[in-house]
Amino acid sequence: MLIIDDIPNGMGRSGEWFTYQAFDIEPDILCIGKGFGGGLVPIAAW
């Protein structure tokens, strides 16, 4: 089982939507997150 935590990398920073796509692998579980508040308000998506 391959579990990838893509939260620290940020979406789109590797040239792909998710970092694992640049390495031709397919995870069983992908953990993603995105903060929307810019540090001003406690809002996020998981």
C-alpha atoms as a PDB file:
ATOM      1  CA  MET A   1       0.000   0.000   0.000  1.00  0.00           C
ATOM      2  CA  LEU A   2       1.367   3.404  -0.974  1.00  0.00           C
ATOM      3  CA  ILE A   3       0.120   6.454   0.932  1.00  0.00           C
ATOM      4  CA  ILE A   4       1.290   9.866  -0.264  1.00  0.00           C
ATOM      5  CA  ASP A   5       0.991  13.037   1.795  1.00  0.00           C
ATOM      6  CA  ASP A   6       0.930  15.844  -0.794  1.00  0.00           C
ATOM      7  CA  ILE A   7      -0.031  18.602   1.663  1.00  0.00           C
ATOM      8  CA  PRO A   8       3.496  20.071   2.187  1.00  0.00           C
ATOM      9  CA  ASN A   9       4.198  20.233  -1.560  1.00  0.00           C
ATOM     10  CA  GLY A  10       1.286  22.424  -2.638  1.00  0.00           C
ATOM     11  CA  MET A  11      -0.902  21.827  -5.651  1.00  0.00           C
ATOM     12  CA  GLY A  12       0.727  22.664  -8.980  1.00  0.00           C
ATOM     13  CA  ARG A  13       4.189  23.549  -7.648  1.00  0.00           C
ATOM     14  CA  SER A  14       5.872  20.544  -9.297  1.00  0.00           C
ATOM     15  CA  GLY A  15       4.499  21.258 -12.773  1.00  0.00           C
ATOM     16  CA  GLU A  16       1.724  18.710 -12.243  1.00  0.00           C
ATOM     17  CA  TRP A  17      -1.434  19.000 -10.167  1.00  0.00           C
ATOM     18  CA  PHE A  18      -0.006  16.547  -7.658  1.00  0.00           C
ATOM     19  CA  THR A  19       3.683  15.832  -7.083  1.00  0.00           C
ATOM     20  CA  TYR A  20       3.368  12.051  -7.416  1.00  0.00           C
ATOM     21  CA  GLN A  21       2.307  12.465 -11.080  1.00  0.00           C
ATOM     22  CA  ALA A  22       5.812  13.685 -11.987  1.00  0.00           C
ATOM     23  CA  PHE A  23       7.202  10.277 -10.943  1.00  0.00           C
ATOM     24  CA  ASP A  24       4.796   7.933 -12.814  1.00  0.00           C
ATOM     25  CA  ILE A  25       3.468   6.261  -9.671  1.00  0.00           C
ATOM     26  CA  GLU A  26      -0.106   5.734  -8.512  1.00  0.00           C
ATOM     27  CA  PRO A  27      -0.836   5.909  -4.774  1.00  0.00           C
ATOM     28  CA  ASP A  28      -3.505   3.867  -3.035  1.00  0.00           C
ATOM     29  CA  ILE A  29      -4.321   6.807  -0.763  1.00  0.00           C
ATOM     30  CA  LEU A  30      -3.594  10.488  -1.447  1.00  0.00           C
ATOM     31  CA  CYS A  31      -3.738  13.088   1.338  1.00  0.00           C
ATOM     32  CA  ILE A  32      -4.245  16.642   0.109  1.00  0.00           C
ATOM     33  CA  GLY A  33      -5.182  19.931   1.705  1.00  0.00           C
ATOM     34  CA  LYS A  34      -5.450  23.569   0.744  1.00  0.00           C
ATOM     35  CA  GLY A  35      -5.652  26.646   2.925  1.00  0.00           C
ATOM     36  CA  PHE A  36      -7.925  29.379   1.608  1.00  0.00           C
ATOM     37  CA  GLY A  37      -7.709  32.032   4.311  1.00  0.00           C
ATOM     38  CA  GLY A  38      -4.129  33.138   3.739  1.00  0.00           C
ATOM     39  CA  GLY A  39      -3.577  33.021   7.497  1.00  0.00           C
ATOM     40  CA  LEU A  40      -6.306  35.575   8.165  1.00  0.00           C
ATOM     41  CA  VAL A  41      -9.282  33.307   8.771  1.00  0.00           C
ATOM     42  CA  PRO A  42      -9.386  29.632   9.819  1.00  0.00           C
ATOM     43  CA  ILE A  43     -10.777  28.118   6.626  1.00  0.00           C
ATOM     44  CA  ALA A  44      -9.379  25.155   4.698  1.00  0.00           C
ATOM     45  CA  ALA A  45     -10.357  22.171   2.572  1.00  0.00           C
ATOM     46  CA  TRP A  46      -9.323  18.577   3.170  1.00  0.00           C
END
